[in-house]
Amino acid sequence: MHAHIIANGRVQGVGFRYSAQQYAKEYNLNGWVQNKSDGSVELEVEGSDSQVHSFMTDLESGFSPFIRIEDMQIDTQQEEKGYKTFSIR
């Protein structure tokens, strides 16, 4: 499963990308995360359906008390892009 996610809220300057990378490694997911110029954070993750859904559940909780997600746009599809690692861009 592949998920493309854009998270809005207090998501930059609070360790969001590092936390996303740690959780992605915990769930054995591949993909990437990056800050966007509009203040949001964009992610792509790939893995099994259950791994991706577990990651998104943790993501919705904000990962940590410093992160506050106000809105998330999620697009999922079964076809993966073939990422080999998870990176911070």
N, C-alpha and C. Protein backbone atom coordinates (compact mmCIF):
# COMPACT_ATOMS: atom_id res chain seq x y z
N MET A 1 0.85 -1.18 0.00
CA MET A 1 0.00 0.00 0.00
C MET A 1 0.89 1.24 0.00
N HIS A 2 0.44 2.26 -0.69
CA HIS A 2 1.15 3.54 -0.77
C HIS A 2 0.21 4.63 -0.25
N ALA A 3 0.73 5.51 0.59
CA ALA A 3 -0.06 6.64 1.09
C ALA A 3 0.70 7.94 0.87
N HIS A 4 0.02 8.92 0.32
CA HIS A 4 0.55 10.28 0.17
C HIS A 4 -0.24 11.14 1.16
N ILE A 5 0.49 11.82 2.05
CA ILE A 5 -0.14 12.54 3.16
C ILE A 5 0.38 13.97 3.21
N ILE A 6 -0.51 14.91 3.42
CA ILE A 6 -0.13 16.29 3.71
C ILE A 6 -0.75 16.66 5.05
N ALA A 7 0.10 17.04 6.00
CA ALA A 7 -0.35 17.39 7.35
C ALA A 7 -0.20 18.89 7.56
N ASN A 8 -1.26 19.51 8.07
CA ASN A 8 -1.26 20.94 8.37
C ASN A 8 -1.44 21.14 9.87
N GLY A 9 -0.94 22.25 10.37
CA GLY A 9 -1.04 22.59 11.78
C GLY A 9 0.32 22.99 12.31
N ARG A 10 0.58 22.68 13.58
CA ARG A 10 1.91 22.94 14.14
C ARG A 10 2.77 21.72 13.84
N VAL A 11 3.34 21.71 12.63
CA VAL A 11 4.06 20.53 12.14
C VAL A 11 5.49 20.82 11.69
N GLN A 12 5.88 22.08 11.67
CA GLN A 12 7.26 22.42 11.33
C GLN A 12 7.96 23.02 12.54
N GLY A 13 9.23 22.66 12.72
CA GLY A 13 10.02 23.17 13.83
C GLY A 13 9.71 22.49 15.16
N VAL A 14 9.03 21.34 15.11
CA VAL A 14 8.63 20.64 16.34
C VAL A 14 9.04 19.17 16.33
N GLY A 15 9.91 18.79 15.40
CA GLY A 15 10.39 17.40 15.35
C GLY A 15 9.50 16.45 14.58
N PHE A 16 8.58 16.99 13.79
CA PHE A 16 7.64 16.13 13.06
C PHE A 16 8.35 15.18 12.11
N ARG A 17 9.27 15.71 11.30
CA ARG A 17 9.93 14.85 10.30
C ARG A 17 10.75 13.76 10.96
N TYR A 18 11.47 14.09 12.03
CA TYR A 18 12.25 13.09 12.75
C TYR A 18 11.33 12.03 13.35
N SER A 19 10.23 12.46 13.96
CA SER A 19 9.27 11.52 14.54
C SER A 19 8.67 10.62 13.47
N ALA A 20 8.32 11.20 12.32
CA ALA A 20 7.77 10.41 11.22
C ALA A 20 8.77 9.34 10.78
N GLN A 21 10.03 9.72 10.71
CA GLN A 21 11.07 8.76 10.31
C GLN A 21 11.19 7.64 11.34
N GLN A 22 11.16 7.97 12.62
CA GLN A 22 11.27 6.96 13.67
C GLN A 22 10.08 5.99 13.62
N TYR A 23 8.88 6.52 13.48
CA TYR A 23 7.69 5.66 13.40
C TYR A 23 7.71 4.82 12.12
N ALA A 24 8.15 5.41 11.02
CA ALA A 24 8.24 4.65 9.76
C ALA A 24 9.20 3.47 9.93
N LYS A 25 10.32 3.70 10.59
CA LYS A 25 11.26 2.60 10.83
C LYS A 25 10.64 1.55 11.74
N GLU A 26 9.91 1.99 12.77
CA GLU A 26 9.26 1.07 13.70
C GLU A 26 8.27 0.16 12.97
N TYR A 27 7.55 0.72 12.00
CA TYR A 27 6.56 -0.05 11.25
C TYR A 27 7.13 -0.65 9.96
N ASN A 28 8.44 -0.51 9.76
CA ASN A 28 9.11 -1.07 8.59
C ASN A 28 8.53 -0.51 7.28
N LEU A 29 8.34 0.81 7.25
CA LEU A 29 7.81 1.49 6.08
C LEU A 29 8.92 2.20 5.33
N ASN A 30 8.74 2.38 4.05
CA ASN A 30 9.67 3.13 3.22
C ASN A 30 8.96 4.35 2.67
N GLY A 31 9.75 5.35 2.25
CA GLY A 31 9.18 6.57 1.68
C GLY A 31 9.99 7.78 2.07
N TRP A 32 9.32 8.90 2.29
CA TRP A 32 10.01 10.14 2.63
C TRP A 32 9.06 11.12 3.32
N VAL A 33 9.67 12.15 3.92
CA VAL A 33 8.93 13.24 4.55
C VAL A 33 9.68 14.54 4.27
N GLN A 34 8.93 15.63 4.03
CA GLN A 34 9.58 16.92 3.78
C GLN A 34 8.67 18.07 4.20
N ASN A 35 9.30 19.17 4.61
CA ASN A 35 8.58 20.41 4.88
C ASN A 35 8.19 21.04 3.55
N LYS A 36 7.04 21.71 3.54
CA LYS A 36 6.62 22.46 2.37
C LYS A 36 6.65 23.95 2.70
N SER A 37 6.76 24.77 1.68
CA SER A 37 6.89 26.22 1.88
C SER A 37 5.64 26.85 2.49
N ASP A 38 4.50 26.18 2.41
CA ASP A 38 3.27 26.74 2.97
C ASP A 38 3.09 26.41 4.46
N GLY A 39 4.09 25.76 5.07
CA GLY A 39 4.03 25.44 6.50
C GLY A 39 3.53 24.04 6.80
N SER A 40 3.13 23.31 5.77
CA SER A 40 2.66 21.93 5.97
C SER A 40 3.84 20.97 5.83
N VAL A 41 3.57 19.70 6.09
CA VAL A 41 4.55 18.64 5.90
C VAL A 41 3.94 17.60 4.97
N GLU A 42 4.73 17.14 4.02
CA GLU A 42 4.29 16.14 3.04
C GLU A 42 5.03 14.84 3.28
N LEU A 43 4.31 13.72 3.20
CA LEU A 43 4.91 12.40 3.40
C LEU A 43 4.42 11.45 2.32
N GLU A 44 5.25 10.48 2.01
CA GLU A 44 4.84 9.31 1.26
C GLU A 44 5.36 8.11 2.02
N VAL A 45 4.49 7.14 2.29
CA VAL A 45 4.90 5.91 2.98
C VAL A 45 4.37 4.71 2.21
N GLU A 46 5.14 3.62 2.27
CA GLU A 46 4.76 2.38 1.62
C GLU A 46 5.04 1.21 2.54
N GLY A 47 4.16 0.23 2.48
CA GLY A 47 4.31 -0.99 3.26
C GLY A 47 3.02 -1.78 3.19
N SER A 48 2.87 -2.73 4.09
CA SER A 48 1.64 -3.52 4.12
C SER A 48 0.48 -2.63 4.56
N ASP A 49 -0.74 -3.05 4.22
CA ASP A 49 -1.92 -2.28 4.61
C ASP A 49 -1.94 -2.02 6.11
N SER A 50 -1.68 -3.06 6.91
CA SER A 50 -1.76 -2.91 8.37
C SER A 50 -0.67 -1.98 8.89
N GLN A 51 0.53 -2.04 8.31
CA GLN A 51 1.62 -1.16 8.74
C GLN A 51 1.29 0.30 8.43
N VAL A 52 0.80 0.55 7.23
CA VAL A 52 0.47 1.92 6.83
C VAL A 52 -0.67 2.46 7.69
N HIS A 53 -1.69 1.66 7.94
CA HIS A 53 -2.81 2.11 8.77
C HIS A 53 -2.36 2.38 10.22
N SER A 54 -1.49 1.54 10.76
CA SER A 54 -0.96 1.78 12.11
C SER A 54 -0.17 3.07 12.16
N PHE A 55 0.65 3.31 11.14
CA PHE A 55 1.43 4.55 11.06
C PHE A 55 0.50 5.75 11.02
N MET A 56 -0.55 5.69 10.20
CA MET A 56 -1.48 6.82 10.08
C MET A 56 -2.24 7.06 11.38
N THR A 57 -2.55 6.00 12.12
CA THR A 57 -3.19 6.16 13.43
C THR A 57 -2.28 6.93 14.38
N ASP A 58 -1.00 6.56 14.42
CA ASP A 58 -0.04 7.28 15.26
C ASP A 58 0.14 8.71 14.76
N LEU A 59 0.17 8.89 13.46
CA LEU A 59 0.32 10.22 12.87
C LEU A 59 -0.84 11.12 13.29
N GLU A 60 -2.05 10.61 13.25
CA GLU A 60 -3.22 11.40 13.63
C GLU A 60 -3.16 11.86 15.08
N SER A 61 -2.48 11.10 15.93
CA SER A 61 -2.33 11.50 17.34
C SER A 61 -1.27 12.57 17.51
N GLY A 62 -0.51 12.86 16.46
CA GLY A 62 0.47 13.93 16.49
C GLY A 62 1.86 13.51 16.90
N PHE A 63 2.11 12.22 17.12
CA PHE A 63 3.43 11.69 17.47
C PHE A 63 3.93 12.15 18.83
N SER A 64 3.80 13.43 19.16
CA SER A 64 4.32 13.96 20.43
C SER A 64 3.47 15.16 20.84
N PRO A 65 3.60 15.61 22.11
CA PRO A 65 2.80 16.75 22.57
C PRO A 65 3.16 18.07 21.89
N PHE A 66 4.33 18.15 21.27
CA PHE A 66 4.75 19.39 20.61
C PHE A 66 4.11 19.55 19.23
N ILE A 67 3.64 18.45 18.67
CA ILE A 67 3.07 18.46 17.33
C ILE A 67 1.55 18.51 17.43
N ARG A 68 0.94 19.40 16.66
CA ARG A 68 -0.53 19.49 16.64
C ARG A 68 -0.99 19.49 15.18
N ILE A 69 -1.60 18.40 14.78
CA ILE A 69 -2.12 18.29 13.42
C ILE A 69 -3.56 18.78 13.42
N GLU A 70 -3.83 19.79 12.59
CA GLU A 70 -5.18 20.35 12.49
C GLU A 70 -5.95 19.75 11.32
N ASP A 71 -5.23 19.32 10.30
CA ASP A 71 -5.89 18.77 9.11
C ASP A 71 -4.91 17.86 8.39
N MET A 72 -5.42 16.75 7.86
CA MET A 72 -4.60 15.85 7.05
C MET A 72 -5.33 15.49 5.78
N GLN A 73 -4.61 15.53 4.69
CA GLN A 73 -5.14 15.04 3.41
C GLN A 73 -4.41 13.74 3.12
N ILE A 74 -5.16 12.67 2.90
CA ILE A 74 -4.57 11.35 2.70
C ILE A 74 -5.10 10.76 1.41
N ASP A 75 -4.18 10.30 0.57
CA ASP A 75 -4.53 9.61 -0.66
C ASP A 75 -3.82 8.26 -0.63
N THR A 76 -4.56 7.17 -0.67
CA THR A 76 -3.95 5.84 -0.65
C THR A 76 -4.23 5.10 -1.95
N GLN A 77 -3.31 4.23 -2.28
CA GLN A 77 -3.48 3.35 -3.43
C GLN A 77 -2.70 2.07 -3.19
N GLN A 78 -3.06 1.02 -3.86
CA GLN A 78 -2.39 -0.26 -3.66
C GLN A 78 -1.04 -0.32 -4.36
N GLU A 79 -0.89 0.38 -5.48
CA GLU A 79 0.36 0.34 -6.23
C GLU A 79 1.43 1.15 -5.51
N GLU A 80 2.59 0.52 -5.28
CA GLU A 80 3.70 1.19 -4.61
C GLU A 80 4.68 1.75 -5.62
N LYS A 81 5.49 2.72 -5.18
CA LYS A 81 6.49 3.34 -6.04
C LYS A 81 7.85 2.66 -5.92
N GLY A 82 8.02 1.79 -4.93
CA GLY A 82 9.26 1.03 -4.81
C GLY A 82 10.36 1.69 -4.00
N TYR A 83 10.01 2.54 -3.03
CA TYR A 83 11.03 3.14 -2.18
C TYR A 83 11.75 2.05 -1.40
N LYS A 84 13.05 2.23 -1.17
CA LYS A 84 13.86 1.22 -0.47
C LYS A 84 14.16 1.60 0.97
N THR A 85 14.05 2.88 1.32
CA THR A 85 14.32 3.38 2.67
C THR A 85 13.30 4.47 2.98
N PHE A 86 13.39 5.01 4.20
CA PHE A 86 12.59 6.18 4.56
C PHE A 86 13.55 7.32 4.82
N SER A 87 13.36 8.45 4.14
CA SER A 87 14.31 9.55 4.27
C SER A 87 13.60 10.86 4.61
N ILE A 88 14.38 11.75 5.22
CA ILE A 88 13.95 13.12 5.46
C ILE A 88 14.52 13.96 4.33
N ARG A 89 13.65 14.68 3.66
CA ARG A 89 14.11 15.52 2.54
C ARG A 89 14.22 16.96 2.98
